[in-house]
Full PDB file with SEQRES, HELIX, SHEET, SSBOND, CRYST1, ORIGX, SCALE, CONECT and MASTER records, all heavy atoms in Angstrom:
SEQRES   1 A   38  CYS PHE GLY LYS ASP SER ASN LEU VAL LEU ASN ASP ILE          
SEQRES   2 A   38  ASN TYR LEU PHE ASP GLU ILE ASP PHE ASN ASN LEU LEU          
SEQRES   3 A   38  SER ILE GLU GLY LEU ALA VAL LEU TRP LYS ARG PHE              
HELIX    1 AA1 SER A    6  PHE A   17  1                                  12    
HELIX    2 AA2 PHE A   22  LEU A   26  5                                   5    
HELIX    3 AA3 ILE A   28  ARG A   37  1                                  10    
CRYST1    1.000    1.000    1.000  90.00  90.00  90.00 P 1           1          
ORIGX1      1.000000  0.000000  0.000000        0.00000                         
ORIGX2      0.000000  1.000000  0.000000        0.00000                         
ORIGX3      0.000000  0.000000  1.000000        0.00000                         
SCALE1      1.000000  0.000000  0.000000        0.00000                         
SCALE2      0.000000  1.000000  0.000000        0.00000                         
SCALE3      0.000000  0.000000  1.000000        0.00000                         
ATOM      1  N   CYS A   1       0.817  -1.217   0.000  1.00  0.00           N  
ATOM      2  CA  CYS A   1       0.000   0.000   0.000  1.00  0.00           C  
ATOM      3  C   CYS A   1       0.849   1.264   0.000  1.00  0.00           C  
ATOM      4  O   CYS A   1       0.579   2.205  -0.756  1.00  0.00           O  
ATOM      5  CB  CYS A   1      -0.928  -0.006   1.214  1.00  0.00           C  
ATOM      6  SG  CYS A   1      -1.943   1.484   1.370  1.00  0.00           S  
ATOM      7  N   PHE A   2       1.888   1.294   0.836  1.00  0.00           N  
ATOM      8  CA  PHE A   2       2.648   2.534   1.032  1.00  0.00           C  
ATOM      9  C   PHE A   2       3.995   2.540   0.312  1.00  0.00           C  
ATOM     10  O   PHE A   2       4.784   3.463   0.499  1.00  0.00           O  
ATOM     11  CB  PHE A   2       2.852   2.769   2.531  1.00  0.00           C  
ATOM     12  CG  PHE A   2       1.577   3.102   3.258  1.00  0.00           C  
ATOM     13  CD1 PHE A   2       0.946   2.147   4.044  1.00  0.00           C  
ATOM     14  CD2 PHE A   2       0.990   4.347   3.130  1.00  0.00           C  
ATOM     15  CE1 PHE A   2      -0.238   2.442   4.718  1.00  0.00           C  
ATOM     16  CE2 PHE A   2      -0.190   4.658   3.796  1.00  0.00           C  
ATOM     17  CZ  PHE A   2      -0.813   3.701   4.583  1.00  0.00           C  
ATOM     18  N   GLY A   3       4.245   1.531  -0.521  1.00  0.00           N  
ATOM     19  CA  GLY A   3       5.475   1.523  -1.297  1.00  0.00           C  
ATOM     20  C   GLY A   3       6.718   1.328  -0.458  1.00  0.00           C  
ATOM     21  O   GLY A   3       7.725   2.015  -0.656  1.00  0.00           O  
ATOM     22  N   LYS A   4       6.668   0.372   0.474  1.00  0.00           N  
ATOM     23  CA  LYS A   4       7.786   0.109   1.380  1.00  0.00           C  
ATOM     24  C   LYS A   4       8.375  -1.271   1.113  1.00  0.00           C  
ATOM     25  O   LYS A   4       7.764  -2.113   0.447  1.00  0.00           O  
ATOM     26  CB  LYS A   4       7.321   0.184   2.843  1.00  0.00           C  
ATOM     27  CG  LYS A   4       6.608   1.468   3.231  1.00  0.00           C  
ATOM     28  CD  LYS A   4       7.533   2.666   3.199  1.00  0.00           C  
ATOM     29  CE  LYS A   4       6.798   3.927   3.634  1.00  0.00           C  
ATOM     30  NZ  LYS A   4       7.678   5.112   3.639  1.00  0.00           N  
ATOM     31  N   ASP A   5       9.547  -1.504   1.655  1.00  0.00           N  
ATOM     32  CA  ASP A   5      10.152  -2.827   1.644  1.00  0.00           C  
ATOM     33  C   ASP A   5       9.460  -3.665   2.720  1.00  0.00           C  
ATOM     34  O   ASP A   5       9.451  -3.290   3.900  1.00  0.00           O  
ATOM     35  CB  ASP A   5      11.649  -2.700   1.938  1.00  0.00           C  
ATOM     36  CG  ASP A   5      12.384  -4.030   1.895  1.00  0.00           C  
ATOM     37  OD1 ASP A   5      11.871  -5.016   2.464  1.00  0.00           O  
ATOM     38  OD2 ASP A   5      13.487  -4.088   1.330  1.00  0.00           O  
ATOM     39  N   SER A   6       8.889  -4.801   2.342  1.00  0.00           N  
ATOM     40  CA  SER A   6       8.118  -5.597   3.298  1.00  0.00           C  
ATOM     41  C   SER A   6       8.976  -6.108   4.449  1.00  0.00           C  
ATOM     42  O   SER A   6       8.485  -6.280   5.567  1.00  0.00           O  
ATOM     43  CB  SER A   6       7.425  -6.764   2.598  1.00  0.00           C  
ATOM     44  OG  SER A   6       8.371  -7.637   2.008  1.00  0.00           O  
ATOM     45  N   ASN A   7      10.261  -6.344   4.194  1.00  0.00           N  
ATOM     46  CA  ASN A   7      11.150  -6.785   5.274  1.00  0.00           C  
ATOM     47  C   ASN A   7      11.346  -5.692   6.313  1.00  0.00           C  
ATOM     48  O   ASN A   7      11.396  -5.966   7.518  1.00  0.00           O  
ATOM     49  CB  ASN A   7      12.496  -7.230   4.717  1.00  0.00           C  
ATOM     50  CG  ASN A   7      12.397  -8.512   3.920  1.00  0.00           C  
ATOM     51  OD1 ASN A   7      11.677  -9.433   4.309  1.00  0.00           O  
ATOM     52  ND2 ASN A   7      13.099  -8.572   2.796  1.00  0.00           N  
ATOM     53  N   LEU A   8      11.450  -4.437   5.856  1.00  0.00           N  
ATOM     54  CA  LEU A   8      11.587  -3.315   6.789  1.00  0.00           C  
ATOM     55  C   LEU A   8      10.302  -3.113   7.588  1.00  0.00           C  
ATOM     56  O   LEU A   8      10.342  -2.810   8.787  1.00  0.00           O  
ATOM     57  CB  LEU A   8      11.956  -2.034   6.039  1.00  0.00           C  
ATOM     58  CG  LEU A   8      13.322  -2.009   5.357  1.00  0.00           C  
ATOM     59  CD1 LEU A   8      13.529  -0.685   4.621  1.00  0.00           C  
ATOM     60  CD2 LEU A   8      14.441  -2.243   6.371  1.00  0.00           C  
ATOM     61  N   VAL A   9       9.167  -3.288   6.931  1.00  0.00           N  
ATOM     62  CA  VAL A   9       7.890  -3.168   7.641  1.00  0.00           C  
ATOM     63  C   VAL A   9       7.772  -4.265   8.697  1.00  0.00           C  
ATOM     64  O   VAL A   9       7.371  -4.001   9.845  1.00  0.00           O  
ATOM     65  CB  VAL A   9       6.705  -3.245   6.660  1.00  0.00           C  
ATOM     66  CG1 VAL A   9       5.381  -3.211   7.430  1.00  0.00           C  
ATOM     67  CG2 VAL A   9       6.757  -2.097   5.662  1.00  0.00           C  
ATOM     68  N   LEU A  10       8.146  -5.480   8.338  1.00  0.00           N  
ATOM     69  CA  LEU A  10       8.084  -6.576   9.306  1.00  0.00           C  
ATOM     70  C   LEU A  10       9.034  -6.325  10.468  1.00  0.00           C  
ATOM     71  O   LEU A  10       8.691  -6.628  11.626  1.00  0.00           O  
ATOM     72  CB  LEU A  10       8.420  -7.900   8.630  1.00  0.00           C  
ATOM     73  CG  LEU A  10       8.301  -9.152   9.506  1.00  0.00           C  
ATOM     74  CD1 LEU A  10       6.887  -9.294  10.073  1.00  0.00           C  
ATOM     75  CD2 LEU A  10       8.672 -10.402   8.710  1.00  0.00           C  
ATOM     76  N   ASN A  11      10.200  -5.744  10.195  1.00  0.00           N  
ATOM     77  CA  ASN A  11      11.128  -5.393  11.281  1.00  0.00           C  
ATOM     78  C   ASN A  11      10.478  -4.411  12.249  1.00  0.00           C  
ATOM     79  O   ASN A  11      10.617  -4.534  13.471  1.00  0.00           O  
ATOM     80  CB  ASN A  11      12.410  -4.786  10.713  1.00  0.00           C  
ATOM     81  CG  ASN A  11      13.309  -5.812  10.044  1.00  0.00           C  
ATOM     82  OD1 ASN A  11      13.163  -7.006  10.256  1.00  0.00           O  
ATOM     83  ND2 ASN A  11      14.234  -5.334   9.230  1.00  0.00           N  
ATOM     84  N   ASP A  12       9.766  -3.421  11.701  1.00  0.00           N  
ATOM     85  CA  ASP A  12       9.060  -2.451  12.556  1.00  0.00           C  
ATOM     86  C   ASP A  12       8.010  -3.156  13.415  1.00  0.00           C  
ATOM     87  O   ASP A  12       7.903  -2.910  14.623  1.00  0.00           O  
ATOM     88  CB  ASP A  12       8.358  -1.400  11.691  1.00  0.00           C  
ATOM     89  CG  ASP A  12       9.286  -0.304  11.197  1.00  0.00           C  
ATOM     90  OD1 ASP A  12      10.514  -0.418  11.410  1.00  0.00           O  
ATOM     91  OD2 ASP A  12       8.782   0.663  10.591  1.00  0.00           O  
ATOM     92  N   ILE A  13       7.221  -4.016  12.784  1.00  0.00           N  
ATOM     93  CA  ILE A  13       6.164  -4.724  13.499  1.00  0.00           C  
ATOM     94  C   ILE A  13       6.759  -5.609  14.592  1.00  0.00           C  
ATOM     95  O   ILE A  13       6.254  -5.647  15.725  1.00  0.00           O  
ATOM     96  CB  ILE A  13       5.310  -5.544  12.520  1.00  0.00           C  
ATOM     97  CG1 ILE A  13       4.488  -4.603  11.629  1.00  0.00           C  
ATOM     98  CG2 ILE A  13       4.384  -6.502  13.265  1.00  0.00           C  
ATOM     99  CD1 ILE A  13       3.769  -5.298  10.485  1.00  0.00           C  
ATOM    100  N   ASN A  14       7.827  -6.316  14.253  1.00  0.00           N  
ATOM    101  CA  ASN A  14       8.468  -7.184  15.248  1.00  0.00           C  
ATOM    102  C   ASN A  14       9.014  -6.373  16.417  1.00  0.00           C  
ATOM    103  O   ASN A  14       8.932  -6.797  17.573  1.00  0.00           O  
ATOM    104  CB  ASN A  14       9.585  -7.995  14.600  1.00  0.00           C  
ATOM    105  CG  ASN A  14       9.066  -9.127  13.745  1.00  0.00           C  
ATOM    106  OD1 ASN A  14       7.939  -9.586  13.928  1.00  0.00           O  
ATOM    107  ND2 ASN A  14       9.861  -9.584  12.796  1.00  0.00           N  
ATOM    108  N   TYR A  15       9.558  -5.201  16.123  1.00  0.00           N  
ATOM    109  CA  TYR A  15      10.088  -4.356  17.200  1.00  0.00           C  
ATOM    110  C   TYR A  15       8.974  -3.969  18.171  1.00  0.00           C  
ATOM    111  O   TYR A  15       9.172  -3.983  19.396  1.00  0.00           O  
ATOM    112  CB  TYR A  15      10.737  -3.098  16.629  1.00  0.00           C  
ATOM    113  CG  TYR A  15      11.373  -2.214  17.689  1.00  0.00           C  
ATOM    114  CD1 TYR A  15      12.726  -2.329  17.995  1.00  0.00           C  
ATOM    115  CD2 TYR A  15      10.622  -1.275  18.391  1.00  0.00           C  
ATOM    116  CE1 TYR A  15      13.312  -1.537  18.971  1.00  0.00           C  
ATOM    117  CE2 TYR A  15      11.195  -0.484  19.373  1.00  0.00           C  
ATOM    118  CZ  TYR A  15      12.542  -0.614  19.652  1.00  0.00           C  
ATOM    119  OH  TYR A  15      13.111   0.169  20.639  1.00  0.00           O  
ATOM    120  N   LEU A  16       7.815  -3.641  17.613  1.00  0.00           N  
ATOM    121  CA  LEU A  16       6.718  -3.182  18.468  1.00  0.00           C  
ATOM    122  C   LEU A  16       6.087  -4.328  19.258  1.00  0.00           C  
ATOM    123  O   LEU A  16       5.737  -4.162  20.430  1.00  0.00           O  
ATOM    124  CB  LEU A  16       5.642  -2.501  17.607  1.00  0.00           C  
ATOM    125  CG  LEU A  16       4.520  -1.783  18.375  1.00  0.00           C  
ATOM    126  CD1 LEU A  16       5.073  -0.598  19.150  1.00  0.00           C  
ATOM    127  CD2 LEU A  16       3.429  -1.312  17.415  1.00  0.00           C  
ATOM    128  N   PHE A  17       5.971  -5.506  18.629  1.00  0.00           N  
ATOM    129  CA  PHE A  17       5.176  -6.571  19.227  1.00  0.00           C  
ATOM    130  C   PHE A  17       5.974  -7.740  19.778  1.00  0.00           C  
ATOM    131  O   PHE A  17       5.458  -8.502  20.597  1.00  0.00           O  
ATOM    132  CB  PHE A  17       4.159  -7.102  18.208  1.00  0.00           C  
ATOM    133  CG  PHE A  17       3.044  -6.150  17.908  1.00  0.00           C  
ATOM    134  CD1 PHE A  17       3.102  -5.329  16.792  1.00  0.00           C  
ATOM    135  CD2 PHE A  17       1.953  -6.056  18.739  1.00  0.00           C  
ATOM    136  CE1 PHE A  17       2.079  -4.434  16.512  1.00  0.00           C  
ATOM    137  CE2 PHE A  17       0.928  -5.169  18.473  1.00  0.00           C  
ATOM    138  CZ  PHE A  17       0.982  -4.357  17.355  1.00  0.00           C  
ATOM    139  N   ASP A  18       7.205  -7.954  19.323  1.00  0.00           N  
ATOM    140  CA  ASP A  18       7.976  -9.094  19.813  1.00  0.00           C  
ATOM    141  C   ASP A  18       8.374  -8.903  21.273  1.00  0.00           C  
ATOM    142  O   ASP A  18       8.415  -7.784  21.786  1.00  0.00           O  
ATOM    143  CB  ASP A  18       9.236  -9.309  18.972  1.00  0.00           C  
ATOM    144  CG  ASP A  18       8.962 -10.193  17.752  1.00  0.00           C  
ATOM    145  OD1 ASP A  18       7.774 -10.488  17.507  1.00  0.00           O  
ATOM    146  OD2 ASP A  18       9.916 -10.558  17.045  1.00  0.00           O  
ATOM    147  N   GLU A  19       8.673  -9.978  21.912  1.00  0.00           N  
ATOM    148  CA  GLU A  19       9.121  -9.993  23.308  1.00  0.00           C  
ATOM    149  C   GLU A  19       8.070  -9.434  24.261  1.00  0.00           C  
ATOM    150  O   GLU A  19       8.394  -8.935  25.346  1.00  0.00           O  
ATOM    151  CB  GLU A  19      10.450  -9.239  23.475  1.00  0.00           C  
ATOM    152  CG  GLU A  19      11.581  -9.834  22.641  1.00  0.00           C  
ATOM    153  CD  GLU A  19      12.879  -9.073  22.805  1.00  0.00           C  
ATOM    154  OE1 GLU A  19      12.929  -8.168  23.663  1.00  0.00           O  
ATOM    155  OE2 GLU A  19      13.825  -9.385  22.082  1.00  0.00           O  
ATOM    156  N   ILE A  20       6.820  -9.493  23.822  1.00  0.00           N  
ATOM    157  CA  ILE A  20       5.717  -9.076  24.688  1.00  0.00           C  
ATOM    158  C   ILE A  20       4.974 -10.317  25.147  1.00  0.00           C  
ATOM    159  O   ILE A  20       4.584 -11.156  24.331  1.00  0.00           O  
ATOM    160  CB  ILE A  20       4.749  -8.125  23.956  1.00  0.00           C  
ATOM    161  CG1 ILE A  20       5.418  -6.796  23.666  1.00  0.00           C  
ATOM    162  CG2 ILE A  20       3.483  -7.912  24.781  1.00  0.00           C  
ATOM    163  CD1 ILE A  20       4.536  -5.834  22.900  1.00  0.00           C  
ATOM    164  N   ASP A  21       4.800 -10.446  26.440  1.00  0.00           N  
ATOM    165  CA  ASP A  21       3.941 -11.497  26.979  1.00  0.00           C  
ATOM    166  C   ASP A  21       2.531 -10.926  27.049  1.00  0.00           C  
ATOM    167  O   ASP A  21       2.217 -10.094  27.906  1.00  0.00           O  
ATOM    168  CB  ASP A  21       4.428 -11.914  28.373  1.00  0.00           C  
ATOM    169  CG  ASP A  21       3.560 -13.008  28.988  1.00  0.00           C  
ATOM    170  OD1 ASP A  21       2.543 -13.382  28.368  1.00  0.00           O  
ATOM    171  OD2 ASP A  21       3.896 -13.464  30.100  1.00  0.00           O  
ATOM    172  N   PHE A  22       1.673 -11.361  26.117  1.00  0.00           N  
ATOM    173  CA  PHE A  22       0.344 -10.776  26.036  1.00  0.00           C  
ATOM    174  C   PHE A  22      -0.550 -11.159  27.208  1.00  0.00           C  
ATOM    175  O   PHE A  22      -1.610 -10.565  27.390  1.00  0.00           O  
ATOM    176  CB  PHE A  22      -0.298 -11.133  24.704  1.00  0.00           C  
ATOM    177  CG  PHE A  22       0.334 -10.420  23.535  1.00  0.00           C  
ATOM    178  CD1 PHE A  22       1.129 -11.113  22.639  1.00  0.00           C  
ATOM    179  CD2 PHE A  22       0.168  -9.062  23.363  1.00  0.00           C  
ATOM    180  CE1 PHE A  22       1.729 -10.460  21.573  1.00  0.00           C  
ATOM    181  CE2 PHE A  22       0.755  -8.399  22.310  1.00  0.00           C  
ATOM    182  CZ  PHE A  22       1.541  -9.099  21.411  1.00  0.00           C  
ATOM    183  N   ASN A  23      -0.123 -12.102  28.022  1.00  0.00           N  
ATOM    184  CA  ASN A  23      -0.849 -12.363  29.260  1.00  0.00           C  
ATOM    185  C   ASN A  23      -0.759 -11.181  30.219  1.00  0.00           C  
ATOM    186  O   ASN A  23      -1.540 -11.086  31.170  1.00  0.00           O  
ATOM    187  CB  ASN A  23      -0.320 -13.628  29.933  1.00  0.00           C  
ATOM    188  CG  ASN A  23      -0.734 -14.889  29.190  1.00  0.00           C  
ATOM    189  OD1 ASN A  23      -1.890 -15.038  28.804  1.00  0.00           O  
ATOM    190  ND2 ASN A  23       0.210 -15.784  28.955  1.00  0.00           N  
ATOM    191  N   ASN A  24       0.191 -10.283  29.950  1.00  0.00           N  
ATOM    192  CA  ASN A  24       0.291  -9.071  30.767  1.00  0.00           C  
ATOM    193  C   ASN A  24      -0.927  -8.169  30.613  1.00  0.00           C  
ATOM    194  O   ASN A  24      -1.130  -7.251  31.421  1.00  0.00           O  
ATOM    195  CB  ASN A  24       1.556  -8.289  30.407  1.00  0.00           C  
ATOM    196  CG  ASN A  24       2.795  -8.886  31.037  1.00  0.00           C  
ATOM    197  OD1 ASN A  24       2.732  -9.490  32.106  1.00  0.00           O  
ATOM    198  ND2 ASN A  24       3.932  -8.732  30.386  1.00  0.00           N  
ATOM    199  N   LEU A  25      -1.735  -8.418  29.583  1.00  0.00           N  
ATOM    200  CA  LEU A  25      -2.947  -7.625  29.395  1.00  0.00           C  
ATOM    201  C   LEU A  25      -4.037  -7.979  30.398  1.00  0.00           C  
ATOM    202  O   LEU A  25      -5.060  -7.303  30.463  1.00  0.00           O  
ATOM    203  CB  LEU A  25      -3.485  -7.812  27.977  1.00  0.00           C  
ATOM    204  CG  LEU A  25      -2.575  -7.376  26.838  1.00  0.00           C  
ATOM    205  CD1 LEU A  25      -3.170  -7.790  25.499  1.00  0.00           C  
ATOM    206  CD2 LEU A  25      -2.335  -5.874  26.866  1.00  0.00           C  
ATOM    207  N   LEU A  26      -3.807  -9.014  31.191  1.00  0.00           N  
ATOM    208  CA  LEU A  26      -4.849  -9.523  32.080  1.00  0.00           C  
ATOM    209  C   LEU A  26      -4.823  -8.914  33.472  1.00  0.00           C  
ATOM    210  O   LEU A  26      -5.715  -9.195  34.275  1.00  0.00           O  
ATOM    211  CB  LEU A  26      -4.721 -11.051  32.192  1.00  0.00           C  
ATOM    212  CG  LEU A  26      -4.841 -11.839  30.890  1.00  0.00           C  
ATOM    213  CD1 LEU A  26      -4.574 -13.323  31.145  1.00  0.00           C  
ATOM    214  CD2 LEU A  26      -6.216 -11.643  30.248  1.00  0.00           C  
ATOM    215  N   SER A  27      -3.819  -8.113  33.795  1.00  0.00           N  
ATOM    216  CA  SER A  27      -3.712  -7.585  35.163  1.00  0.00           C  
ATOM    217  C   SER A  27      -3.054  -6.219  35.164  1.00  0.00           C  
ATOM    218  O   SER A  27      -2.331  -5.852  34.236  1.00  0.00           O  
ATOM    219  CB  SER A  27      -2.880  -8.538  36.031  1.00  0.00           C  
ATOM    220  OG  SER A  27      -1.521  -8.532  35.602  1.00  0.00           O  
ATOM    221  N   ILE A  28      -3.286  -5.474  36.225  1.00  0.00           N  
ATOM    222  CA  ILE A  28      -2.655  -4.162  36.364  1.00  0.00           C  
ATOM    223  C   ILE A  28      -1.148  -4.302  36.483  1.00  0.00           C  
ATOM    224  O   ILE A  28      -0.391  -3.484  35.955  1.00  0.00           O  
ATOM    225  CB  ILE A  28      -3.247  -3.386  37.562  1.00  0.00           C  
ATOM    226  CG1 ILE A  28      -2.687  -1.957  37.604  1.00  0.00           C  
ATOM    227  CG2 ILE A  28      -2.998  -4.120  38.877  1.00  0.00           C  
ATOM    228  CD1 ILE A  28      -3.354  -1.085  38.654  1.00  0.00           C  
ATOM    229  N   GLU A  29      -0.687  -5.355  37.143  1.00  0.00           N  
ATOM    230  CA  GLU A  29       0.755  -5.591  37.271  1.00  0.00           C  
ATOM    231  C   GLU A  29       1.376  -5.832  35.898  1.00  0.00           C  
ATOM    232  O   GLU A  29       2.449  -5.300  35.583  1.00  0.00           O  
ATOM    233  CB  GLU A  29       1.026  -6.773  38.190  1.00  0.00           C  
ATOM    234  CG  GLU A  29       0.636  -6.568  39.637  1.00  0.00           C  
ATOM    235  CD  GLU A  29      -0.855  -6.768  39.906  1.00  0.00           C  
ATOM    236  OE1 GLU A  29      -1.580  -7.237  38.991  1.00  0.00           O  
ATOM    237  OE2 GLU A  29      -1.304  -6.455  41.036  1.00  0.00           O  
ATOM    238  N   GLY A  30       0.689  -6.626  35.084  1.00  0.00           N  
ATOM    239  CA  GLY A  30       1.191  -6.896  33.738  1.00  0.00           C  
ATOM    240  C   GLY A  30       1.189  -5.655  32.867  1.00  0.00           C  
ATOM    241  O   GLY A  30       2.141  -5.411  32.109  1.00  0.00           O  
ATOM    242  N   LEU A  31       0.132  -4.842  32.967  1.00  0.00           N  
ATOM    243  CA  LEU A  31       0.083  -3.607  32.193  1.00  0.00           C  
ATOM    244  C   LEU A  31       1.228  -2.676  32.562  1.00  0.00           C  
ATOM    245  O   LEU A  31       1.795  -1.995  31.696  1.00  0.00           O  
ATOM    246  CB  LEU A  31      -1.253  -2.896  32.419  1.00  0.00           C  
ATOM    247  CG  LEU A  31      -2.485  -3.515  31.765  1.00  0.00           C  
ATOM    248  CD1 LEU A  31      -3.729  -2.708  32.130  1.00  0.00           C  
ATOM    249  CD2 LEU A  31      -2.330  -3.589  30.251  1.00  0.00           C  
ATOM    250  N   ALA A  32       1.586  -2.654  33.836  1.00  0.00           N  
ATOM    251  CA  ALA A  32       2.692  -1.795  34.269  1.00  0.00           C  
ATOM    252  C   ALA A  32       4.021  -2.266  33.682  1.00  0.00           C  
ATOM    253  O   ALA A  32       4.891  -1.454  33.356  1.00  0.00           O  
ATOM    254  CB  ALA A  32       2.764  -1.752  35.793  1.00  0.00           C  
ATOM    255  N   VAL A  33       4.182  -3.579  33.529  1.00  0.00           N  
ATOM    256  CA  VAL A  33       5.387  -4.117  32.892  1.00  0.00           C  
ATOM    257  C   VAL A  33       5.449  -3.677  31.424  1.00  0.00           C  
ATOM    258  O   VAL A  33       6.507  -3.266  30.921  1.00  0.00           O  
ATOM    259  CB  VAL A  33       5.418  -5.656  33.002  1.00  0.00           C  
ATOM    260  CG1 VAL A  33       6.537  -6.240  32.136  1.00  0.00           C  
ATOM    261  CG2 VAL A  33       5.604  -6.070  34.451  1.00  0.00           C  
ATOM    262  N   LEU A  34       4.319  -3.760  30.721  1.00  0.00           N  
ATOM    263  CA  LEU A  34       4.272  -3.293  29.338  1.00  0.00           C  
ATOM    264  C   LEU A  34       4.527  -1.795  29.260  1.00  0.00           C  
ATOM    265  O   LEU A  34       5.215  -1.309  28.358  1.00  0.00           O  
ATOM    266  CB  LEU A  34       2.910  -3.614  28.715  1.00  0.00           C  
ATOM    267  CG  LEU A  34       2.574  -5.086  28.515  1.00  0.00           C  
ATOM    268  CD1 LEU A  34       1.160  -5.232  27.952  1.00  0.00           C  
ATOM    269  CD2 LEU A  34       3.574  -5.758  27.590  1.00  0.00           C  
ATOM    270  N   TRP A  35       3.974  -1.062  30.202  1.00  0.00           N  
ATOM    271  CA  TRP A  35       4.158   0.395  30.264  1.00  0.00           C  
ATOM    272  C   TRP A  35       5.641   0.734  30.378  1.00  0.00           C  
ATOM    273  O   TRP A  35       6.131   1.640  29.697  1.00  0.00           O  
ATOM    274  CB  TRP A  35       3.382   0.927  31.469  1.00  0.00           C  
ATOM    275  CG  TRP A  35       3.276   2.408  31.596  1.00  0.00           C  
ATOM    276  CD1 TRP A  35       3.978   3.213  32.449  1.00  0.00           C  
ATOM    277  CD2 TRP A  35       2.372   3.277  30.894  1.00  0.00           C  
ATOM    278  NE1 TRP A  35       3.578   4.523  32.323  1.00  0.00           N  
ATOM    279  CE2 TRP A  35       2.590   4.582  31.376  1.00  0.00           C  
ATOM    280  CE3 TRP A  35       1.410   3.060  29.918  1.00  0.00           C  
ATOM    281  CZ2 TRP A  35       1.880   5.679  30.899  1.00  0.00           C  
ATOM    282  CZ3 TRP A  35       0.702   4.157  29.449  1.00  0.00           C  
ATOM    283  CH2 TRP A  35       0.935   5.437  29.931  1.00  0.00           C  
ATOM    284  N   LYS A  36       6.343   0.013  31.213  1.00  0.00           N  
ATOM    285  CA  LYS A  36       7.783   0.237  31.403  1.00  0.00           C  
ATOM    286  C   LYS A  36       8.529   0.074  30.079  1.00  0.00           C  
ATOM    287  O   LYS A  36       9.392   0.891  29.739  1.00  0.00           O  
ATOM    288  CB  LYS A  36       8.330  -0.750  32.440  1.00  0.00           C  
ATOM    289  CG  LYS A  36       9.829  -0.625  32.721  1.00  0.00           C  
ATOM    290  CD  LYS A  36      10.246  -1.656  33.758  1.00  0.00           C  
ATOM    291  CE  LYS A  36      11.743  -1.588  34.040  1.00  0.00           C  
ATOM    292  NZ  LYS A  36      12.093  -0.387  34.815  1.00  0.00           N  
ATOM    293  N   ARG A  37       8.157  -0.945  29.314  1.00  0.00           N  
ATOM    294  CA  ARG A  37       8.834  -1.194  28.030  1.00  0.00           C  
ATOM    295  C   ARG A  37       8.546  -0.092  27.035  1.00  0.00           C  
ATOM    296  O   ARG A  37       9.457   0.449  26.388  1.00  0.00           O  
ATOM    297  CB  ARG A  37       8.378  -2.535  27.454  1.00  0.00           C  
ATOM    298  CG  ARG A  37       9.000  -2.869  26.092  1.00  0.00           C  
ATOM    299  CD  ARG A  37       8.405  -4.166  25.535  1.00  0.00           C  
ATOM    300  NE  ARG A  37       9.053  -4.599  24.315  1.00  0.00           N  
ATOM    301  CZ  ARG A  37       8.706  -4.188  23.103  1.00  0.00           C  
ATOM    302  NH1 ARG A  37       7.734  -3.300  22.967  1.00  0.00           N  
ATOM    303  NH2 ARG A  37       9.336  -4.645  22.024  1.00  0.00           N  
ATOM    304  N   PHE A  38       7.274   0.274  26.872  1.00  0.00           N  
ATOM    305  CA  PHE A  38       6.921   1.225  25.830  1.00  0.00           C  
ATOM    306  C   PHE A  38       7.338   2.651  26.173  1.00  0.00           C  
ATOM    307  O   PHE A  38       7.778   3.403  25.299  1.00  0.00           O  
ATOM    308  CB  PHE A  38       5.416   1.166  25.544  1.00  0.00           C  
ATOM    309  CG  PHE A  38       5.005  -0.047  24.773  1.00  0.00           C  
ATOM    310  CD1 PHE A  38       4.144  -0.986  25.325  1.00  0.00           C  
ATOM    311  CD2 PHE A  38       5.490  -0.275  23.498  1.00  0.00           C  
ATOM    312  CE1 PHE A  38       3.769  -2.115  24.617  1.00  0.00           C  
ATOM    313  CE2 PHE A  38       5.123  -1.399  22.784  1.00  0.00           C  
ATOM    314  CZ  PHE A  38       4.260  -2.326  23.336  1.00  0.00           C  
TER     315      PHE A  38                                                      
MASTER        0    0    0    3    0    0    0    6  314    1    0    3          
END                                                                             
């Protein structure tokens, strides 16, 4: 859509979403851990 290299786009997506334990979405303690990262 935006005329980008798909590998670079995937790198961006992986940076944002990789190494995230999505179970952290289930509690305030987990959200605070995600908050620290972002």
